[in-house]
PDB file of N, CA and C in Angstrom:
ATOM      1  N   MET A   1      37.001  21.591  -4.858  1.00  0.00           N
ATOM      2  CA  MET A   1      36.523  20.353  -5.575  1.00  0.00           C
ATOM      3  C   MET A   1      35.307  19.891  -5.041  1.00  0.00           C
ATOM      4  N   ARG A   2      35.332  19.971  -3.820  1.00  0.00           N
ATOM      5  CA  ARG A   2      33.559  19.706  -3.359  1.00  0.00           C
ATOM      6  C   ARG A   2      32.484  20.244  -4.004  1.00  0.00           C
ATOM      7  N   PRO A   3      32.016  21.220  -4.513  1.00  0.00           N
ATOM      8  CA  PRO A   3      31.474  21.551  -5.034  1.00  0.00           C
ATOM      9  C   PRO A   3      31.072  20.402  -6.995  1.00  0.00           C
ATOM     10  N   ARG A   4      32.262  20.305  -7.476  1.00  0.00           N
ATOM     11  CA  ARG A   4      32.115  19.580  -8.407  1.00  0.00           C
ATOM     12  C   ARG A   4      31.750  18.361  -8.024  1.00  0.00           C
ATOM     13  N   LYS A   5      31.936  17.535  -6.706  1.00  0.00           N
ATOM     14  CA  LYS A   5      31.790  16.493  -6.025  1.00  0.00           C
ATOM     15  C   LYS A   5      29.799  16.221  -5.871  1.00  0.00           C
ATOM     16  N   MET A   6      29.703  17.272  -5.243  1.00  0.00           N
ATOM     17  CA  MET A   6      28.596  17.195  -5.146  1.00  0.00           C
ATOM     18  C   MET A   6      27.433  17.518  -6.521  1.00  0.00           C
ATOM     19  N   LEU A   7      27.565  18.222  -7.591  1.00  0.00           N
ATOM     20  CA  LEU A   7      27.152  18.315  -8.891  1.00  0.00           C
ATOM     21  C   LEU A   7      27.333  17.017  -9.706  1.00  0.00           C
ATOM     22  N   ALA A   8      28.448  16.187  -9.782  1.00  0.00           N
ATOM     23  CA  ALA A   8      28.250  14.701 -10.088  1.00  0.00           C
ATOM     24  C   ALA A   8      27.399  13.850  -9.603  1.00  0.00           C
ATOM     25  N   VAL A   9      27.336  13.847  -8.212  1.00  0.00           N
ATOM     26  CA  VAL A   9      26.166  13.138  -7.488  1.00  0.00           C
ATOM     27  C   VAL A   9      24.854  13.405  -7.683  1.00  0.00           C
ATOM     28  N   ALA A  10      24.710  14.726  -8.130  1.00  0.00           N
ATOM     29  CA  ALA A  10      23.370  15.454  -8.451  1.00  0.00           C
ATOM     30  C   ALA A  10      22.845  14.589  -9.794  1.00  0.00           C
ATOM     31  N   GLY A  11      24.044  15.198 -10.443  1.00  0.00           N
ATOM     32  CA  GLY A  11      23.620  14.645 -11.905  1.00  0.00           C
ATOM     33  C   GLY A  11      23.470  13.085 -12.066  1.00  0.00           C
ATOM     34  N   LEU A  12      24.318  12.030 -11.460  1.00  0.00           N
ATOM     35  CA  LEU A  12      23.942  10.663 -11.513  1.00  0.00           C
ATOM     36  C   LEU A  12      22.863  10.749 -11.045  1.00  0.00           C
ATOM     37  N   LEU A  13      22.244  11.214 -10.061  1.00  0.00           N
ATOM     38  CA  LEU A  13      21.272  11.214  -9.418  1.00  0.00           C
ATOM     39  C   LEU A  13      19.757  11.367 -10.154  1.00  0.00           C
ATOM     40  N   ALA A  14      20.315  12.604 -11.127  1.00  0.00           N
ATOM     41  CA  ALA A  14      19.129  12.407 -12.194  1.00  0.00           C
ATOM     42  C   ALA A  14      19.254  11.833 -13.511  1.00  0.00           C
ATOM     43  N   VAL A  15      20.039  11.014 -13.527  1.00  0.00           N
ATOM     44  CA  VAL A  15      20.250  10.281 -14.698  1.00  0.00           C
ATOM     45  C   VAL A  15      19.364   8.868 -14.328  1.00  0.00           C
ATOM     46  N   VAL A  16      19.438   8.205 -13.126  1.00  0.00           N
ATOM     47  CA  VAL A  16      18.894   7.586 -12.444  1.00  0.00           C
ATOM     48  C   VAL A  16      17.537   7.445 -12.496  1.00  0.00           C
ATOM     49  N   ALA A  17      16.818   8.387 -12.041  1.00  0.00           N
ATOM     50  CA  ALA A  17      15.804   8.927 -11.940  1.00  0.00           C
ATOM     51  C   ALA A  17      15.042   8.511 -13.323  1.00  0.00           C
ATOM     52  N   ALA A  18      15.661   9.433 -14.425  1.00  0.00           N
ATOM     53  CA  ALA A  18      15.335  10.033 -15.578  1.00  0.00           C
ATOM     54  C   ALA A  18      14.879   8.587 -16.101  1.00  0.00           C
ATOM     55  N   ALA A  19      16.491   7.377 -15.624  1.00  0.00           N
ATOM     56  CA  ALA A  19      16.395   5.956 -16.635  1.00  0.00           C
ATOM     57  C   ALA A  19      15.112   5.146 -16.373  1.00  0.00           C
ATOM     58  N   SER A  20      14.892   5.639 -15.015  1.00  0.00           N
ATOM     59  CA  SER A  20      13.434   4.532 -14.047  1.00  0.00           C
ATOM     60  C   SER A  20      12.597   5.491 -14.187  1.00  0.00           C
ATOM     61  N   GLY A  21      12.196   6.013 -15.216  1.00  0.00           N
ATOM     62  CA  GLY A  21      10.958   6.612 -15.011  1.00  0.00           C
ATOM     63  C   GLY A  21       9.326   5.904 -15.581  1.00  0.00           C
ATOM     64  N   CYS A  22       8.679   6.163 -15.730  1.00  0.00           N
ATOM     65  CA  CYS A  22       7.218   5.997 -15.759  1.00  0.00           C
ATOM     66  C   CYS A  22       7.147   5.511 -17.373  1.00  0.00           C
ATOM     67  N   SER A  23       6.569   3.972 -17.367  1.00  0.00           N
ATOM     68  CA  SER A  23       6.777   3.657 -18.768  1.00  0.00           C
ATOM     69  C   SER A  23       4.803   3.539 -19.315  1.00  0.00           C
ATOM     70  N   SER A  24       4.431   3.437 -20.767  1.00  0.00           N
ATOM     71  CA  SER A  24       3.211   3.127 -20.558  1.00  0.00           C
ATOM     72  C   SER A  24       2.859   1.979 -20.715  1.00  0.00           C
ATOM     73  N   GLY A  25       3.015   1.173 -20.188  1.00  0.00           N
ATOM     74  CA  GLY A  25       2.709  -0.159 -20.539  1.00  0.00           C
ATOM     75  C   GLY A  25       1.195  -0.473 -19.588  1.00  0.00           C
ATOM     76  N   GLN A  26       0.639  -1.779 -20.107  1.00  0.00           N
ATOM     77  CA  GLN A  26      -0.846  -2.303 -18.995  1.00  0.00           C
ATOM     78  C   GLN A  26      -0.399  -3.365 -18.157  1.00  0.00           C
ATOM     79  N   THR A  27      -1.062  -3.661 -17.566  1.00  0.00           N
ATOM     80  CA  THR A  27      -1.331  -5.049 -16.627  1.00  0.00           C
ATOM     81  C   THR A  27      -2.678  -5.165 -16.439  1.00  0.00           C
ATOM     82  N   THR A  28      -2.763  -6.518 -16.614  1.00  0.00           N
ATOM     83  CA  THR A  28      -4.277  -7.147 -16.291  1.00  0.00           C
ATOM     84  C   THR A  28      -4.172  -8.493 -15.298  1.00  0.00           C
ATOM     85  N   SER A  29      -5.240  -7.919 -14.412  1.00  0.00           N
ATOM     86  CA  SER A  29      -5.259  -9.524 -13.398  1.00  0.00           C
ATOM     87  C   SER A  29      -6.747 -10.130 -13.842  1.00  0.00           C
ATOM     88  N   THR A  30      -6.528 -11.290 -13.112  1.00  0.00           N
ATOM     89  CA  THR A  30      -8.026 -11.878 -13.644  1.00  0.00           C
ATOM     90  C   THR A  30      -7.908 -12.770 -12.080  1.00  0.00           C
ATOM     91  N   THR A  31      -9.140 -12.766 -11.721  1.00  0.00           N
ATOM     92  CA  THR A  31      -9.066 -13.549 -10.352  1.00  0.00           C
ATOM     93  C   THR A  31     -10.191 -14.428 -10.691  1.00  0.00           C
ATOM     94  N   THR A  32     -10.211 -15.987 -10.471  1.00  0.00           N
ATOM     95  CA  THR A  32     -11.487 -17.118 -11.107  1.00  0.00           C
ATOM     96  C   THR A  32     -11.202 -17.629  -9.523  1.00  0.00           C
ATOM     97  N   THR A  33     -12.726 -17.667  -9.035  1.00  0.00           N
ATOM     98  CA  THR A  33     -13.162 -18.280  -7.843  1.00  0.00           C
ATOM     99  C   THR A  33     -13.760 -19.703  -8.252  1.00  0.00           C
ATOM    100  N   ARG A  34     -13.714 -20.668  -7.685  1.00  0.00           N
ATOM    101  CA  ARG A  34     -14.030 -22.014  -7.774  1.00  0.00           C
ATOM    102  C   ARG A  34     -14.574 -22.570  -6.208  1.00  0.00           C
ATOM    103  N   THR A  35     -15.633 -22.705  -6.551  1.00  0.00           N
ATOM    104  CA  THR A  35     -16.394 -23.510  -4.852  1.00  0.00           C
ATOM    105  C   THR A  35     -17.014 -24.474  -4.919  1.00  0.00           C
ATOM    106  N   THR A  36     -16.472 -25.611  -4.464  1.00  0.00           N
ATOM    107  CA  THR A  36     -17.063 -27.028  -4.866  1.00  0.00           C
ATOM    108  C   THR A  36     -17.236 -27.557  -3.419  1.00  0.00           C
ATOM    109  N   THR A  37     -18.483 -28.287  -3.812  1.00  0.00           N
ATOM    110  CA  THR A  37     -18.929 -29.058  -2.420  1.00  0.00           C
ATOM    111  C   THR A  37     -18.597 -30.599  -2.215  1.00  0.00           C
ATOM    112  N   LEU A  38     -17.946 -30.993  -0.750  1.00  0.00           N
ATOM    113  CA  LEU A  38     -17.511 -32.181  -1.058  1.00  0.00           C
ATOM    114  C   LEU A  38     -18.911 -33.104  -0.353  1.00  0.00           C
ATOM    115  N   GLY A  39     -18.763 -34.108  -1.580  1.00  0.00           N
ATOM    116  CA  GLY A  39     -20.252 -35.219  -0.862  1.00  0.00           C
ATOM    117  C   GLY A  39     -21.458 -34.910  -1.902  1.00  0.00           C
ATOM    118  N   GLY A  40     -21.174 -33.891  -2.893  1.00  0.00           N
ATOM    119  CA  GLY A  40     -22.234 -34.484  -3.708  1.00  0.00           C
ATOM    120  C   GLY A  40     -23.117 -32.980  -3.677  1.00  0.00           C
ATOM    121  N   SER A  41     -23.857 -32.886  -2.595  1.00  0.00           N
ATOM    122  CA  SER A  41     -24.831 -31.618  -2.612  1.00  0.00           C
ATOM    123  C   SER A  41     -24.432 -30.896  -1.434  1.00  0.00           C
ATOM    124  N   ALA A  42     -25.335 -29.533  -1.929  1.00  0.00           N
ATOM    125  CA  ALA A  42     -24.654 -28.528  -1.083  1.00  0.00           C
ATOM    126  C   ALA A  42     -25.801 -28.764   0.676  1.00  0.00           C
ATOM    127  N   TYR A  43     -26.737 -29.466   0.909  1.00  0.00           N
ATOM    128  CA  TYR A  43     -27.352 -29.794   2.285  1.00  0.00           C
ATOM    129  C   TYR A  43     -27.056 -31.362   2.311  1.00  0.00           C
ATOM    130  N   ALA A  44     -27.234 -31.832   3.263  1.00  0.00           N
ATOM    131  CA  ALA A  44     -27.513 -33.644   3.522  1.00  0.00           C
ATOM    132  C   ALA A  44     -28.369 -33.495   4.780  1.00  0.00           C
ATOM    133  N   ALA A  45     -28.839 -34.505   4.878  1.00  0.00           N
ATOM    134  CA  ALA A  45     -30.152 -34.319   6.008  1.00  0.00           C
ATOM    135  C   ALA A  45     -29.508 -35.381   7.387  1.00  0.00           C
ATOM    136  N   ASP A  46     -29.561 -35.066   8.695  1.00  0.00           N
ATOM    137  CA  ASP A  46     -29.097 -35.328   9.662  1.00  0.00           C
ATOM    138  C   ASP A  46     -30.090 -36.518  10.197  1.00  0.00           C
ATOM    139  N   SER A  47     -29.704 -37.076  11.770  1.00  0.00           N
ATOM    140  CA  SER A  47     -30.565 -38.337  11.928  1.00  0.00           C
ATOM    141  C   SER A  47     -31.758 -37.791  11.840  1.00  0.00           C
ATOM    142  N   GLU A  48     -32.654 -36.532  12.758  1.00  0.00           N
ATOM    143  CA  GLU A  48     -33.699 -36.140  12.709  1.00  0.00           C
ATOM    144  C   GLU A  48     -34.084 -35.562  11.191  1.00  0.00           C
ATOM    145  N   GLY A  49     -33.865 -35.675  10.334  1.00  0.00           N
ATOM    146  CA  GLY A  49     -34.330 -35.189   8.888  1.00  0.00           C
ATOM    147  C   GLY A  49     -34.046 -33.264   8.681  1.00  0.00           C
ATOM    148  N   ALA A  50     -33.262 -32.492   9.483  1.00  0.00           N
ATOM    149  CA  ALA A  50     -33.089 -31.352   9.428  1.00  0.00           C
ATOM    150  C   ALA A  50     -31.640 -31.499   8.256  1.00  0.00           C
ATOM    151  N   ALA A  51     -31.781 -30.339   7.534  1.00  0.00           N
ATOM    152  CA  ALA A  51     -30.681 -29.724   6.698  1.00  0.00           C
ATOM    153  C   ALA A  51     -29.991 -29.843   7.215  1.00  0.00           C
ATOM    154  N   VAL A  52     -28.549 -29.836   6.719  1.00  0.00           N
ATOM    155  CA  VAL A  52     -26.898 -29.454   7.405  1.00  0.00           C
ATOM    156  C   VAL A  52     -26.331 -29.148   6.237  1.00  0.00           C
ATOM    157  N   PRO A  53     -25.776 -28.231   6.186  1.00  0.00           N
ATOM    158  CA  PRO A  53     -25.037 -27.686   5.379  1.00  0.00           C
ATOM    159  C   PRO A  53     -23.501 -28.485   5.167  1.00  0.00           C
ATOM    160  N   GLN A  54     -23.161 -29.095   3.641  1.00  0.00           N
ATOM    161  CA  GLN A  54     -22.022 -30.109   3.934  1.00  0.00           C
ATOM    162  C   GLN A  54     -20.715 -28.691   4.044  1.00  0.00           C
ATOM    163  N   PRO A  55     -19.190 -29.864   3.942  1.00  0.00           N
ATOM    164  CA  PRO A  55     -18.369 -28.636   4.003  1.00  0.00           C
ATOM    165  C   PRO A  55     -18.277 -28.345   2.626  1.00  0.00           C
ATOM    166  N   GLN A  56     -17.516 -26.947   1.989  1.00  0.00           N
ATOM    167  CA  GLN A  56     -17.076 -26.893   0.526  1.00  0.00           C
ATOM    168  C   GLN A  56     -16.014 -26.421   0.687  1.00  0.00           C
ATOM    169  N   SER A  57     -15.294 -26.453  -0.402  1.00  0.00           N
ATOM    170  CA  SER A  57     -13.569 -26.240  -0.894  1.00  0.00           C
ATOM    171  C   SER A  57     -13.998 -24.878  -1.852  1.00  0.00           C
ATOM    172  N   THR A  58     -13.016 -23.815  -1.252  1.00  0.00           N
ATOM    173  CA  THR A  58     -12.869 -22.713  -2.291  1.00  0.00           C
ATOM    174  C   THR A  58     -11.285 -22.830  -2.637  1.00  0.00           C
ATOM    175  N   THR A  59     -11.528 -22.997  -3.762  1.00  0.00           N
ATOM    176  CA  THR A  59     -10.030 -22.607  -5.049  1.00  0.00           C
ATOM    177  C   THR A  59     -10.278 -21.180  -5.146  1.00  0.00           C
ATOM    178  N   THR A  60      -9.339 -19.876  -4.809  1.00  0.00           N
ATOM    179  CA  THR A  60      -8.991 -18.793  -6.003  1.00  0.00           C
ATOM    180  C   THR A  60      -7.725 -18.867  -6.358  1.00  0.00           C
ATOM    181  N   THR A  61      -7.650 -18.246  -7.784  1.00  0.00           N
ATOM    182  CA  THR A  61      -6.497 -18.007  -8.290  1.00  0.00           C
ATOM    183  C   THR A  61      -6.203 -16.308  -8.828  1.00  0.00           C
ATOM    184  N   THR A  62      -5.594 -16.010  -8.829  1.00  0.00           N
ATOM    185  CA  THR A  62      -5.403 -14.688  -9.277  1.00  0.00           C
ATOM    186  C   THR A  62      -4.112 -14.855 -10.261  1.00  0.00           C
ATOM    187  N   THR A  63      -4.223 -14.597 -11.747  1.00  0.00           N
ATOM    188  CA  THR A  63      -3.300 -14.435 -12.654  1.00  0.00           C
ATOM    189  C   THR A  63      -3.058 -12.986 -12.916  1.00  0.00           C
ATOM    190  N   THR A  64      -2.017 -12.641 -13.003  1.00  0.00           N
ATOM    191  CA  THR A  64      -1.188 -10.906 -13.090  1.00  0.00           C
ATOM    192  C   THR A  64      -0.447 -11.014 -14.400  1.00  0.00           C
ATOM    193  N   THR A  65      -0.647 -10.265 -15.443  1.00  0.00           N
ATOM    194  CA  THR A  65       0.220 -10.132 -16.746  1.00  0.00           C
ATOM    195  C   THR A  65       0.636  -9.115 -16.950  1.00  0.00           C
ATOM    196  N   SER A  66       1.591  -8.540 -17.281  1.00  0.00           N
ATOM    197  CA  SER A  66       2.161  -7.423 -17.419  1.00  0.00           C
ATOM    198  C   SER A  66       2.929  -7.223 -18.807  1.00  0.00           C
ATOM    199  N   SER A  67       2.407  -6.267 -19.382  1.00  0.00           N
ATOM    200  CA  SER A  67       3.208  -5.897 -21.104  1.00  0.00           C
ATOM    201  C   SER A  67       4.301  -5.119 -20.633  1.00  0.00           C
ATOM    202  N   GLU A  68       4.296  -4.420 -19.554  1.00  0.00           N
ATOM    203  CA  GLU A  68       5.470  -3.126 -19.458  1.00  0.00           C
ATOM    204  C   GLU A  68       6.608  -3.402 -19.060  1.00  0.00           C
ATOM    205  N   PRO A  69       7.358  -3.015 -20.552  1.00  0.00           N
ATOM    206  CA  PRO A  69       8.748  -2.866 -20.482  1.00  0.00           C
ATOM    207  C   PRO A  69       9.758  -2.876 -19.412  1.00  0.00           C
ATOM    208  N   ASP A  70      10.822  -3.409 -19.778  1.00  0.00           N
ATOM    209  CA  ASP A  70      11.895  -2.858 -18.302  1.00  0.00           C
ATOM    210  C   ASP A  70      11.955  -1.368 -19.031  1.00  0.00           C
ATOM    211  N   SER A  71      12.749  -0.595 -17.412  1.00  0.00           N
ATOM    212  CA  SER A  71      13.423   0.719 -17.696  1.00  0.00           C
ATOM    213  C   SER A  71      14.769   0.826 -18.592  1.00  0.00           C
ATOM    214  N   VAL A  72      15.447   1.599 -18.869  1.00  0.00           N
ATOM    215  CA  VAL A  72      16.704   1.483 -19.366  1.00  0.00           C
ATOM    216  C   VAL A  72      17.653   0.730 -18.332  1.00  0.00           C
ATOM    217  N   LEU A  73      17.408   1.466 -17.310  1.00  0.00           N
ATOM    218  CA  LEU A  73      18.283   1.109 -15.801  1.00  0.00           C
ATOM    219  C   LEU A  73      18.271  -0.853 -15.889  1.00  0.00           C
ATOM    220  N   GLY A  74      17.098  -0.908 -15.552  1.00  0.00           N
ATOM    221  CA  GLY A  74      16.477  -2.298 -15.554  1.00  0.00           C
ATOM    222  C   GLY A  74      16.837  -3.283 -16.445  1.00  0.00           C
ATOM    223  N   ALA A  75      17.080  -2.690 -17.759  1.00  0.00           N
ATOM    224  CA  ALA A  75      17.366  -3.430 -18.902  1.00  0.00           C
ATOM    225  C   ALA A  75      18.878  -3.670 -19.033  1.00  0.00           C
ATOM    226  N   ALA A  76      19.733  -2.971 -18.638  1.00  0.00           N
ATOM    227  CA  ALA A  76      20.915  -2.572 -18.438  1.00  0.00           C
ATOM    228  C   ALA A  76      21.556  -3.518 -16.967  1.00  0.00           C
ATOM    229  N   PHE A  77      20.921  -3.572 -15.961  1.00  0.00           N
ATOM    230  CA  PHE A  77      21.471  -4.500 -14.879  1.00  0.00           C
ATOM    231  C   PHE A  77      20.690  -5.782 -15.684  1.00  0.00           C
ATOM    232  N   HIS A  78      19.884  -6.169 -16.566  1.00  0.00           N
ATOM    233  CA  HIS A  78      19.709  -7.336 -16.991  1.00  0.00           C
ATOM    234  C   HIS A  78      20.901  -8.173 -18.303  1.00  0.00           C
ATOM    235  N   LEU A  79      20.918  -7.348 -18.675  1.00  0.00           N
ATOM    236  CA  LEU A  79      21.773  -7.902 -19.498  1.00  0.00           C
ATOM    237  C   LEU A  79      23.307  -7.660 -19.207  1.00  0.00           C
ATOM    238  N   VAL A  80      23.954  -7.106 -17.872  1.00  0.00           N
ATOM    239  CA  VAL A  80      25.000  -7.399 -17.086  1.00  0.00           C
ATOM    240  C   VAL A  80      25.008  -8.595 -16.506  1.00  0.00           C
ATOM    241  N   GLY A  81      23.641  -8.857 -15.626  1.00  0.00           N
ATOM    242  CA  GLY A  81      23.525 -10.215 -15.249  1.00  0.00           C
ATOM    243  C   GLY A  81      23.799 -11.555 -16.182  1.00  0.00           C
ATOM    244  N   THR A  82      22.926 -11.388 -17.285  1.00  0.00           N
ATOM    245  CA  THR A  82      22.892 -12.393 -18.308  1.00  0.00           C
ATOM    246  C   THR A  82      24.431 -12.613 -18.858  1.00  0.00           C
ATOM    247  N   ILE A  83      25.163 -11.395 -18.776  1.00  0.00           N
ATOM    248  CA  ILE A  83      26.508 -11.539 -19.520  1.00  0.00           C
ATOM    249  C   ILE A  83      27.630 -12.444 -18.149  1.00  0.00           C
ATOM    250  N   ILE A  84      27.175 -11.632 -17.034  1.00  0.00           N
ATOM    251  CA  ILE A  84      27.952 -12.997 -15.749  1.00  0.00           C
ATOM    252  C   ILE A  84      27.335 -14.052 -15.862  1.00  0.00           C
ATOM    253  N   LEU A  85      26.362 -14.660 -15.664  1.00  0.00           N
ATOM    254  CA  LEU A  85      25.815 -16.044 -15.864  1.00  0.00           C
ATOM    255  C   LEU A  85      25.768 -16.577 -17.148  1.00  0.00           C
ATOM    256  N   LEU A  86      26.201 -16.191 -18.272  1.00  0.00           N
ATOM    257  CA  LEU A  86      26.567 -17.054 -19.503  1.00  0.00           C
ATOM    258  C   LEU A  86      27.520 -18.036 -19.611  1.00  0.00           C
ATOM    259  N   PRO A  87      28.619 -17.936 -18.471  1.00  0.00           N
ATOM    260  CA  PRO A  87      30.002 -18.825 -18.572  1.00  0.00           C
ATOM    261  C   PRO A  87      29.299 -20.197 -17.522  1.00  0.00           C
ATOM    262  N   PHE A  88      28.755 -19.788 -16.483  1.00  0.00           N
ATOM    263  CA  PHE A  88      28.209 -21.085 -15.665  1.00  0.00           C
ATOM    264  C   PHE A  88      27.084 -21.366 -15.991  1.00  0.00           C
ATOM    265  N   ARG A  89      25.861 -20.917 -16.909  1.00  0.00           N
ATOM    266  CA  ARG A  89      25.123 -21.880 -17.675  1.00  0.00           C
ATOM    267  C   ARG A  89      25.672 -23.037 -18.606  1.00  0.00           C
ATOM    268  N   ILE A  90      26.952 -22.422 -19.435  1.00  0.00           N
ATOM    269  CA  ILE A  90      27.691 -23.011 -20.589  1.00  0.00           C
ATOM    270  C   ILE A  90      28.532 -24.334 -19.875  1.00  0.00           C
ATOM    271  N   ILE A  91      28.671 -23.929 -18.590  1.00  0.00           N
ATOM    272  CA  ILE A  91      29.360 -25.124 -17.806  1.00  0.00           C
ATOM    273  C   ILE A  91      28.576 -26.395 -17.415  1.00  0.00           C
ATOM    274  N   GLY A  92      27.453 -25.543 -16.797  1.00  0.00           N
ATOM    275  CA  GLY A  92      26.346 -26.441 -16.397  1.00  0.00           C
ATOM    276  C   GLY A  92      26.125 -27.282 -17.053  1.00  0.00           C
ATOM    277  N   LEU A  93      25.768 -26.999 -18.788  1.00  0.00           N
ATOM    278  CA  LEU A  93      25.343 -27.541 -19.875  1.00  0.00           C
ATOM    279  C   LEU A  93      26.854 -28.865 -19.833  1.00  0.00           C
ATOM    280  N   VAL A  94      27.687 -28.233 -19.691  1.00  0.00           N
ATOM    281  CA  VAL A  94      28.748 -29.496 -20.454  1.00  0.00           C
ATOM    282  C   VAL A  94      28.972 -30.538 -19.277  1.00  0.00           C
ATOM    283  N   VAL A  95      28.522 -30.309 -18.225  1.00  0.00           N
ATOM    284  CA  VAL A  95      29.070 -31.299 -16.906  1.00  0.00           C
ATOM    285  C   VAL A  95      28.011 -31.997 -17.059  1.00  0.00           C
TER     286      VAL A  95
END
C-alpha cells in the first residue's frame, strides 16, 4: 500500500506543478520622477551674495501593469474564494 501512496503524492505534485506553469503574459513598468524646487528658483543668494542651492522635493512614481492571466490552480482558488465570500457580501449589502 505504501508505494501507491507515494505514487499518488508524486502524481498530485506533478499536477500542481503543471497547473502553475509559466504563461506568456507581459509586464510593463513605468517610472516617473519629478523634481520640484521649493521657493521658486534653483539658487538663491545669501547675505554675502553667494549662490546657495534651495531645497528640492523629489517624487518618484512607479506603475506596474501585467497582462498575465492566472494559472489554472490560481484561478480555481480564486473561484473558490469568490464562492465562499459571496454570502458575506450579500449580507453586507443588505445590512
